[in-house]
Amino acid sequence: ANAGQLDEAQTQFTINVPNDATFTSLKFSASPSIAAGMIDSLEYLTGYPYGCVEQTMSRFLPTVLVKQSLDKLQIKNDKIQKDLPKQVEDGLTRLYAFQHGDGGWGWWESDDSQPYETAYVLYGLLQAKKVVNADPSVRYKVDESAIKRATQFLKQPLVDTNDYDLKVYLAYVLAEAGQADAALARSMIDKQDKMSLNSRGTLALLLKTAGEQAQAKTIVTALEKLAVETNQHAHWAESDANRFRW
């Protein structure tokens, strides 16, 4: 139903407009569910321009994740069902073309491979593979050799880096690829003061994937206590020293 079909009691709300507001119009949109909002957002993402590896992934990965979410919610959308295979195939083709001889990805085809970019792409490929495994009707396939080469590339940067934000992300993506290292995950628990809050959340995911559920829950509980809460929302505030550097 649209807003015009709802009765007056259902549509009454208050908007506080600043005295110095200069806009001449105000646009509202409403979605009957989170799923509808995801569909609307996906339509925006499909128009995201292709460019470097990061831009390609910024279109490819959300498309795959929305498909996963709709499947879990058992929601069908004819447009997505029709358009998604071609969108994913285009993204996969472009990502394969950008993969370097060493198995990694950089920003472009001919630059140096970067650990973070490689992990980001590998994570996207793994999510796409999950969609394929969960839905036999999906027409695209994920290249296992691309996953294997990227997994191999990331093993050395994981050892070499002293950046714990990067280390925990690489370890988590490798765990998603079936290369979980529980001992490494546990060793990073005492390094949380060297991580951003976002990376601490990633560490919790890593521990869970590695079978360390109790440790993961402890980190999540600690993060909940660090949330900044107001009457309307909750958020986490990062210090400048702990922002991402990639």
C-alpha atoms as a PDB file:
ATOM      1  CA  ALA A   1       0.000   0.000   0.000  1.00  0.00           C
ATOM      2  CA  ASN A   2       1.202   3.542  -0.587  1.00  0.00           C
ATOM      3  CA  ALA A   3       0.856   6.385   1.870  1.00  0.00           C
ATOM      4  CA  GLY A   4      -2.336   7.611   0.182  1.00  0.00           C
ATOM      5  CA  GLN A   5      -4.034   4.322   0.937  1.00  0.00           C
ATOM      6  CA  LEU A   6      -3.319   4.451   4.673  1.00  0.00           C
ATOM      7  CA  ASP A   7      -5.710   6.057   7.115  1.00  0.00           C
ATOM      8  CA  GLU A   8      -4.891   9.354   8.814  1.00  0.00           C
ATOM      9  CA  ALA A   9      -4.010   7.785  12.159  1.00  0.00           C
ATOM     10  CA  GLN A  10      -1.336   5.690  10.529  1.00  0.00           C
ATOM     11  CA  THR A  11       0.343   8.545   8.677  1.00  0.00           C
ATOM     12  CA  GLN A  12       0.585  11.276  11.321  1.00  0.00           C
ATOM     13  CA  PHE A  13       4.126  12.219  12.333  1.00  0.00           C
ATOM     14  CA  THR A  14       6.080  15.317  13.297  1.00  0.00           C
ATOM     15  CA  ILE A  15       9.068  16.813  11.490  1.00  0.00           C
ATOM     16  CA  ASN A  16      11.276  19.414  13.123  1.00  0.00           C
ATOM     17  CA  VAL A  17      12.763  21.708  10.484  1.00  0.00           C
ATOM     18  CA  PRO A  18      15.690  23.995  11.452  1.00  0.00           C
ATOM     19  CA  ASN A  19      14.903  27.719  11.284  1.00  0.00           C
ATOM     20  CA  ASP A  20      17.798  28.294   8.873  1.00  0.00           C
ATOM     21  CA  ALA A  21      16.781  25.528   6.453  1.00  0.00           C
ATOM     22  CA  THR A  22      17.044  26.657   2.823  1.00  0.00           C
ATOM     23  CA  PHE A  23      15.603  23.712   0.885  1.00  0.00           C
ATOM     24  CA  THR A  24      12.398  24.305  -1.043  1.00  0.00           C
ATOM     25  CA  SER A  25      11.078  20.773  -1.090  1.00  0.00           C
ATOM     26  CA  LEU A  26      11.133  17.686   1.087  1.00  0.00           C
ATOM     27  CA  LYS A  27      10.892  14.140  -0.236  1.00  0.00           C
ATOM     28  CA  PHE A  28       9.812  11.122   1.783  1.00  0.00           C
ATOM     29  CA  SER A  29      10.063   7.466   0.965  1.00  0.00           C
ATOM     30  CA  ALA A  30       8.672   4.567   2.971  1.00  0.00           C
ATOM     31  CA  SER A  31       9.301   0.857   2.787  1.00  0.00           C
ATOM     32  CA  PRO A  32       6.970  -1.771   4.256  1.00  0.00           C
ATOM     33  CA  SER A  33       9.976  -3.847   5.321  1.00  0.00           C
ATOM     34  CA  ILE A  34      13.758  -3.952   5.454  1.00  0.00           C
ATOM     35  CA  ALA A  35      13.651  -6.237   2.434  1.00  0.00           C
ATOM     36  CA  ALA A  36      11.946  -3.560   0.337  1.00  0.00           C
ATOM     37  CA  GLY A  37      14.640  -1.101   1.347  1.00  0.00           C
ATOM     38  CA  MET A  38      17.320  -3.558   0.263  1.00  0.00           C
ATOM     39  CA  ILE A  39      15.692  -3.946  -3.125  1.00  0.00           C
ATOM     40  CA  ASP A  40      15.535  -0.176  -3.620  1.00  0.00           C
ATOM     41  CA  SER A  41      19.189   0.145  -2.594  1.00  0.00           C
ATOM     42  CA  LEU A  42      20.202  -2.647  -4.933  1.00  0.00           C
ATOM     43  CA  GLU A  43      18.638  -0.814  -7.865  1.00  0.00           C
ATOM     44  CA  TYR A  44      20.854   2.151  -6.992  1.00  0.00           C
ATOM     45  CA  LEU A  45      23.962  -0.032  -6.726  1.00  0.00           C
ATOM     46  CA  THR A  46      23.411  -1.595 -10.133  1.00  0.00           C
ATOM     47  CA  GLY A  47      24.089   1.824 -11.594  1.00  0.00           C
ATOM     48  CA  TYR A  48      27.397   2.166  -9.738  1.00  0.00           C
ATOM     49  CA  PRO A  49      30.161   2.920 -12.261  1.00  0.00           C
ATOM     50  CA  TYR A  50      32.770   0.311 -13.055  1.00  0.00           C
ATOM     51  CA  GLY A  51      36.329   1.465 -12.589  1.00  0.00           C
ATOM     52  CA  CYS A  52      39.078   0.079 -10.392  1.00  0.00           C
ATOM     53  CA  VAL A  53      38.942  -3.154  -8.423  1.00  0.00           C
ATOM     54  CA  GLU A  54      37.421  -1.447  -5.382  1.00  0.00           C
ATOM     55  CA  GLN A  55      34.626   0.120  -7.445  1.00  0.00           C
ATOM     56  CA  THR A  56      33.890  -3.180  -9.129  1.00  0.00           C
ATOM     57  CA  MET A  57      33.631  -4.886  -5.741  1.00  0.00           C
ATOM     58  CA  SER A  58      31.453  -2.070  -4.392  1.00  0.00           C
ATOM     59  CA  ARG A  59      28.882  -3.042  -6.993  1.00  0.00           C
ATOM     60  CA  PHE A  60      29.440  -6.785  -7.065  1.00  0.00           C
ATOM     61  CA  LEU A  61      29.502  -7.658  -3.341  1.00  0.00           C
ATOM     62  CA  PRO A  62      26.321  -5.830  -2.211  1.00  0.00           C
ATOM     63  CA  THR A  63      24.442  -7.402  -5.104  1.00  0.00           C
ATOM     64  CA  VAL A  64      25.455 -10.863  -3.925  1.00  0.00           C
ATOM     65  CA  LEU A  65      24.694 -10.093  -0.269  1.00  0.00           C
ATOM     66  CA  VAL A  66      21.219  -8.775  -1.049  1.00  0.00           C
ATOM     67  CA  LYS A  67      20.518 -11.979  -2.992  1.00  0.00           C
ATOM     68  CA  GLN A  68      21.637 -13.993   0.052  1.00  0.00           C
ATOM     69  CA  SER A  69      19.375 -11.968   2.346  1.00  0.00           C
ATOM     70  CA  LEU A  70      16.322 -12.277   0.123  1.00  0.00           C
ATOM     71  CA  ASP A  71      16.859 -16.028  -0.145  1.00  0.00           C
ATOM     72  CA  LYS A  72      17.049 -16.355   3.639  1.00  0.00           C
ATOM     73  CA  LEU A  73      13.853 -14.304   3.993  1.00  0.00           C
ATOM     74  CA  GLN A  74      12.228 -16.391   1.231  1.00  0.00           C
ATOM     75  CA  ILE A  75      11.371 -13.247  -0.705  1.00  0.00           C
ATOM     76  CA  LYS A  76      11.096 -13.360  -4.487  1.00  0.00           C
ATOM     77  CA  ASN A  77      11.670 -10.350  -6.705  1.00  0.00           C
ATOM     78  CA  ASP A  78      11.255 -10.873 -10.440  1.00  0.00           C
ATOM     79  CA  LYS A  79      13.547  -8.005 -11.425  1.00  0.00           C
ATOM     80  CA  ILE A  80      16.381  -9.170  -9.206  1.00  0.00           C
ATOM     81  CA  GLN A  81      15.943 -12.774 -10.296  1.00  0.00           C
ATOM     82  CA  LYS A  82      16.177 -11.622 -13.910  1.00  0.00           C
ATOM     83  CA  ASP A  83      18.993  -9.060 -13.640  1.00  0.00           C
ATOM     84  CA  LEU A  84      21.264 -10.463 -10.933  1.00  0.00           C
ATOM     85  CA  PRO A  85      22.923 -13.311 -12.908  1.00  0.00           C
ATOM     86  CA  LYS A  86      24.113 -10.922 -15.639  1.00  0.00           C
ATOM     87  CA  GLN A  87      25.285  -8.336 -13.082  1.00  0.00           C
ATOM     88  CA  VAL A  88      27.253 -10.932 -11.140  1.00  0.00           C
ATOM     89  CA  GLU A  89      28.695 -12.491 -14.279  1.00  0.00           C
ATOM     90  CA  ASP A  90      29.885  -9.065 -15.457  1.00  0.00           C
ATOM     91  CA  GLY A  91      31.493  -8.416 -12.070  1.00  0.00           C
ATOM     92  CA  LEU A  92      33.180 -11.813 -11.980  1.00  0.00           C
ATOM     93  CA  THR A  93      34.541 -11.419 -15.495  1.00  0.00           C
ATOM     94  CA  ARG A  94      36.020  -8.031 -14.663  1.00  0.00           C
ATOM     95  CA  LEU A  95      37.520  -9.233 -11.377  1.00  0.00           C
ATOM     96  CA  TYR A  96      39.133 -12.244 -13.032  1.00  0.00           C
ATOM     97  CA  ALA A  97      40.659  -9.924 -15.622  1.00  0.00           C
ATOM     98  CA  PHE A  98      42.158  -7.786 -12.852  1.00  0.00           C
ATOM     99  CA  GLN A  99      43.730 -10.706 -10.953  1.00  0.00           C
ATOM    100  CA  HIS A 100      47.519 -10.621 -11.152  1.00  0.00           C
ATOM    101  CA  GLY A 101      49.900 -13.451 -11.923  1.00  0.00           C
ATOM    102  CA  ASP A 102      50.774 -13.818  -8.231  1.00  0.00           C
ATOM    103  CA  GLY A 103      47.114 -14.424  -7.374  1.00  0.00           C
ATOM    104  CA  GLY A 104      46.522 -11.041  -5.799  1.00  0.00           C
ATOM    105  CA  TRP A 105      44.670  -7.894  -6.769  1.00  0.00           C
ATOM    106  CA  GLY A 106      45.735  -4.264  -6.674  1.00  0.00           C
ATOM    107  CA  TRP A 107      43.712  -1.257  -7.729  1.00  0.00           C
ATOM    108  CA  TRP A 108      44.174  -1.927 -11.443  1.00  0.00           C
ATOM    109  CA  GLU A 109      45.450  -4.586 -13.819  1.00  0.00           C
ATOM    110  CA  SER A 110      49.130  -3.630 -13.915  1.00  0.00           C
ATOM    111  CA  ASP A 111      49.943  -2.314 -10.436  1.00  0.00           C
ATOM    112  CA  ASP A 112      51.296  -4.249  -7.444  1.00  0.00           C
ATOM    113  CA  SER A 113      49.073  -6.699  -5.594  1.00  0.00           C
ATOM    114  CA  GLN A 114      47.772  -5.364  -2.275  1.00  0.00           C
ATOM    115  CA  PRO A 115      46.872  -7.654   0.655  1.00  0.00           C
ATOM    116  CA  TYR A 116      43.762  -5.727   1.664  1.00  0.00           C
ATOM    117  CA  GLU A 117      42.401  -5.460  -1.874  1.00  0.00           C
ATOM    118  CA  THR A 118      43.073  -9.147  -2.419  1.00  0.00           C
ATOM    119  CA  ALA A 119      41.246 -10.091   0.782  1.00  0.00           C
ATOM    120  CA  TYR A 120      38.329  -7.851  -0.157  1.00  0.00           C
ATOM    121  CA  VAL A 121      37.930  -9.499  -3.554  1.00  0.00           C
ATOM    122  CA  LEU A 122      38.434 -12.985  -2.143  1.00  0.00           C
ATOM    123  CA  TYR A 123      35.710 -12.342   0.436  1.00  0.00           C
ATOM    124  CA  GLY A 124      33.341 -11.287  -2.352  1.00  0.00           C
ATOM    125  CA  LEU A 125      34.105 -14.409  -4.368  1.00  0.00           C
ATOM    126  CA  LEU A 126      33.466 -16.588  -1.323  1.00  0.00           C
ATOM    127  CA  GLN A 127      30.088 -14.942  -0.741  1.00  0.00           C
ATOM    128  CA  ALA A 128      29.184 -15.484  -4.394  1.00  0.00           C
ATOM    129  CA  LYS A 129      30.163 -19.124  -4.028  1.00  0.00           C
ATOM    130  CA  LYS A 130      27.788 -19.452  -1.055  1.00  0.00           C
ATOM    131  CA  VAL A 131      24.932 -18.191  -3.202  1.00  0.00           C
ATOM    132  CA  VAL A 132      25.765 -20.780  -5.871  1.00  0.00           C
ATOM    133  CA  ASN A 133      25.907 -23.568  -3.298  1.00  0.00           C
ATOM    134  CA  ALA A 134      22.611 -22.530  -1.709  1.00  0.00           C
ATOM    135  CA  ASP A 135      20.663 -22.066  -4.927  1.00  0.00           C
ATOM    136  CA  PRO A 136      21.206 -24.632  -7.728  1.00  0.00           C
ATOM    137  CA  SER A 137      19.206 -22.434 -10.104  1.00  0.00           C
ATOM    138  CA  VAL A 138      21.884 -19.705 -10.055  1.00  0.00           C
ATOM    139  CA  ARG A 139      23.463 -19.675 -13.487  1.00  0.00           C
ATOM    140  CA  TYR A 140      26.899 -18.212 -12.745  1.00  0.00           C
ATOM    141  CA  LYS A 141      29.855 -20.174 -11.401  1.00  0.00           C
ATOM    142  CA  VAL A 142      32.798 -19.001  -9.303  1.00  0.00           C
ATOM    143  CA  ASP A 143      36.282 -19.892 -10.532  1.00  0.00           C
ATOM    144  CA  GLU A 144      37.837 -22.113  -7.863  1.00  0.00           C
ATOM    145  CA  SER A 145      41.326 -21.483  -9.237  1.00  0.00           C
ATOM    146  CA  ALA A 146      40.927 -17.733  -8.645  1.00  0.00           C
ATOM    147  CA  ILE A 147      39.988 -18.445  -5.025  1.00  0.00           C
ATOM    148  CA  LYS A 148      42.871 -20.860  -4.549  1.00  0.00           C
ATOM    149  CA  ARG A 149      45.436 -18.444  -6.007  1.00  0.00           C
ATOM    150  CA  ALA A 150      44.182 -15.546  -3.885  1.00  0.00           C
ATOM    151  CA  THR A 151      44.217 -17.710  -0.752  1.00  0.00           C
ATOM    152  CA  GLN A 152      47.809 -18.687  -1.420  1.00  0.00           C
ATOM    153  CA  PHE A 153      48.832 -15.068  -2.023  1.00  0.00           C
ATOM    154  CA  LEU A 154      47.442 -13.894   1.335  1.00  0.00           C
ATOM    155  CA  LYS A 155      49.344 -16.364   3.497  1.00  0.00           C
ATOM    156  CA  GLN A 156      52.646 -14.471   3.408  1.00  0.00           C
ATOM    157  CA  PRO A 157      51.228 -10.971   4.088  1.00  0.00           C
ATOM    158  CA  LEU A 158      49.338 -12.458   7.020  1.00  0.00           C
ATOM    159  CA  VAL A 159      52.683 -13.494   8.544  1.00  0.00           C
ATOM    160  CA  ASP A 160      54.607 -10.376   7.547  1.00  0.00           C
ATOM    161  CA  THR A 161      52.283  -7.579   8.608  1.00  0.00           C
ATOM    162  CA  ASN A 162      52.504  -5.901  12.007  1.00  0.00           C
ATOM    163  CA  ASP A 163      49.317  -3.967  11.323  1.00  0.00           C
ATOM    164  CA  TYR A 164      46.753  -5.781  13.437  1.00  0.00           C
ATOM    165  CA  ASP A 165      43.807  -4.217  11.646  1.00  0.00           C
ATOM    166  CA  LEU A 166      45.088  -5.762   8.454  1.00  0.00           C
ATOM    167  CA  LYS A 167      46.183  -9.011  10.100  1.00  0.00           C
ATOM    168  CA  VAL A 168      42.802  -9.759  11.631  1.00  0.00           C
ATOM    169  CA  TYR A 169      41.014  -9.006   8.355  1.00  0.00           C
ATOM    170  CA  LEU A 170      43.317 -11.270   6.357  1.00  0.00           C
ATOM    171  CA  ALA A 171      42.946 -14.023   8.948  1.00  0.00           C
ATOM    172  CA  TYR A 172      39.151 -13.727   8.868  1.00  0.00           C
ATOM    173  CA  VAL A 173      38.913 -13.913   5.077  1.00  0.00           C
ATOM    174  CA  LEU A 174      41.266 -16.889   5.020  1.00  0.00           C
ATOM    175  CA  ALA A 175      39.092 -18.533   7.669  1.00  0.00           C
ATOM    176  CA  GLU A 176      36.078 -17.971   5.427  1.00  0.00           C
ATOM    177  CA  ALA A 177      38.082 -19.722   2.704  1.00  0.00           C
ATOM    178  CA  GLY A 178      38.523 -22.751   4.936  1.00  0.00           C
ATOM    179  CA  GLN A 179      41.954 -21.764   6.255  1.00  0.00           C
ATOM    180  CA  ALA A 180      41.002 -20.957   9.850  1.00  0.00           C
ATOM    181  CA  ASP A 181      43.887 -20.761  12.318  1.00  0.00           C
ATOM    182  CA  ALA A 182      42.445 -20.945  15.834  1.00  0.00           C
ATOM    183  CA  ALA A 183      45.830 -20.435  17.490  1.00  0.00           C
ATOM    184  CA  LEU A 184      46.447 -17.250  15.510  1.00  0.00           C
ATOM    185  CA  ALA A 185      42.955 -16.013  16.305  1.00  0.00           C
ATOM    186  CA  ARG A 186      43.477 -16.561  20.035  1.00  0.00           C
ATOM    187  CA  SER A 187      46.873 -14.862  19.906  1.00  0.00           C
ATOM    188  CA  MET A 188      45.242 -11.649  18.670  1.00  0.00           C
ATOM    189  CA  ILE A 189      42.854 -11.363  21.599  1.00  0.00           C
ATOM    190  CA  ASP A 190      45.559  -9.631  23.652  1.00  0.00           C
ATOM    191  CA  LYS A 191      46.310  -7.260  20.742  1.00  0.00           C
ATOM    192  CA  GLN A 192      42.913  -5.591  20.727  1.00  0.00           C
ATOM    193  CA  ASP A 193      44.348  -2.292  21.939  1.00  0.00           C
ATOM    194  CA  LYS A 194      46.216  -2.136  18.626  1.00  0.00           C
ATOM    195  CA  MET A 195      42.994  -2.574  16.609  1.00  0.00           C
ATOM    196  CA  SER A 196      40.175  -0.317  15.555  1.00  0.00           C
ATOM    197  CA  LEU A 197      36.755  -1.113  17.003  1.00  0.00           C
ATOM    198  CA  ASN A 198      35.712  -2.371  13.597  1.00  0.00           C
ATOM    199  CA  SER A 199      38.635  -4.793  13.624  1.00  0.00           C
ATOM    200  CA  ARG A 200      37.655  -6.019  17.067  1.00  0.00           C
ATOM    201  CA  GLY A 201      34.302  -6.930  15.567  1.00  0.00           C
ATOM    202  CA  THR A 202      36.150  -8.738  12.785  1.00  0.00           C
ATOM    203  CA  LEU A 203      38.189 -10.554  15.424  1.00  0.00           C
ATOM    204  CA  ALA A 204      34.947 -11.772  16.995  1.00  0.00           C
ATOM    205  CA  LEU A 205      33.860 -13.120  13.597  1.00  0.00           C
ATOM    206  CA  LEU A 206      37.263 -14.742  13.136  1.00  0.00           C
ATOM    207  CA  LEU A 207      37.080 -16.456  16.519  1.00  0.00           C
ATOM    208  CA  LYS A 208      33.567 -17.706  15.822  1.00  0.00           C
ATOM    209  CA  THR A 209      34.624 -19.074  12.433  1.00  0.00           C
ATOM    210  CA  ALA A 210      37.628 -20.750  14.083  1.00  0.00           C
ATOM    211  CA  GLY A 211      35.375 -22.476  16.631  1.00  0.00           C
ATOM    212  CA  GLU A 212      36.141 -20.154  19.553  1.00  0.00           C
ATOM    213  CA  GLN A 213      32.552 -19.095  20.250  1.00  0.00           C
ATOM    214  CA  ALA A 214      33.061 -18.229  23.923  1.00  0.00           C
ATOM    215  CA  GLN A 215      35.961 -15.894  23.145  1.00  0.00           C
ATOM    216  CA  ALA A 216      33.980 -14.318  20.326  1.00  0.00           C
ATOM    217  CA  LYS A 217      31.043 -13.645  22.640  1.00  0.00           C
ATOM    218  CA  THR A 218      33.343 -11.993  25.188  1.00  0.00           C
ATOM    219  CA  ILE A 219      34.568  -9.536  22.551  1.00  0.00           C
ATOM    220  CA  VAL A 220      31.043  -8.785  21.367  1.00  0.00           C
ATOM    221  CA  THR A 221      29.941  -8.083  24.944  1.00  0.00           C
ATOM    222  CA  ALA A 222      32.876  -5.696  25.429  1.00  0.00           C
ATOM    223  CA  LEU A 223      32.021  -3.899  22.184  1.00  0.00           C
ATOM    224  CA  GLU A 224      28.413  -3.494  23.265  1.00  0.00           C
ATOM    225  CA  LYS A 225      29.608  -1.629  26.346  1.00  0.00           C
ATOM    226  CA  LEU A 226      31.627   0.766  24.168  1.00  0.00           C
ATOM    227  CA  ALA A 227      28.615   1.835  22.131  1.00  0.00           C
ATOM    228  CA  VAL A 228      27.627   5.492  22.382  1.00  0.00           C
ATOM    229  CA  GLU A 229      23.861   5.515  22.865  1.00  0.00           C
ATOM    230  CA  THR A 230      21.267   8.263  22.508  1.00  0.00           C
ATOM    231  CA  ASN A 231      17.475   8.147  22.545  1.00  0.00           C
ATOM    232  CA  GLN A 232      17.461   7.620  18.794  1.00  0.00           C
ATOM    233  CA  HIS A 233      20.490   5.495  17.963  1.00  0.00           C
ATOM    234  CA  ALA A 234      23.715   3.821  19.019  1.00  0.00           C
ATOM    235  CA  HIS A 235      27.096   4.147  17.361  1.00  0.00           C
ATOM    236  CA  TRP A 236      30.770   3.478  17.916  1.00  0.00           C
ATOM    237  CA  ALA A 237      33.355   6.270  17.773  1.00  0.00           C
ATOM    238  CA  GLU A 238      36.826   5.549  16.433  1.00  0.00           C
ATOM    239  CA  SER A 239      39.841   7.620  17.399  1.00  0.00           C
ATOM    240  CA  ASP A 240      41.828   9.137  14.529  1.00  0.00           C
ATOM    241  CA  ALA A 241      44.706   6.783  15.355  1.00  0.00           C
ATOM    242  CA  ASN A 242      42.501   3.744  14.837  1.00  0.00           C
ATOM    243  CA  ARG A 243      40.935   4.543  11.491  1.00  0.00           C
ATOM    244  CA  PHE A 244      41.557   2.295   8.518  1.00  0.00           C
ATOM    245  CA  ARG A 245      44.740   3.044   6.639  1.00  0.00           C
ATOM    246  CA  TRP A 246      44.241   1.145   3.385  1.00  0.00           C
END
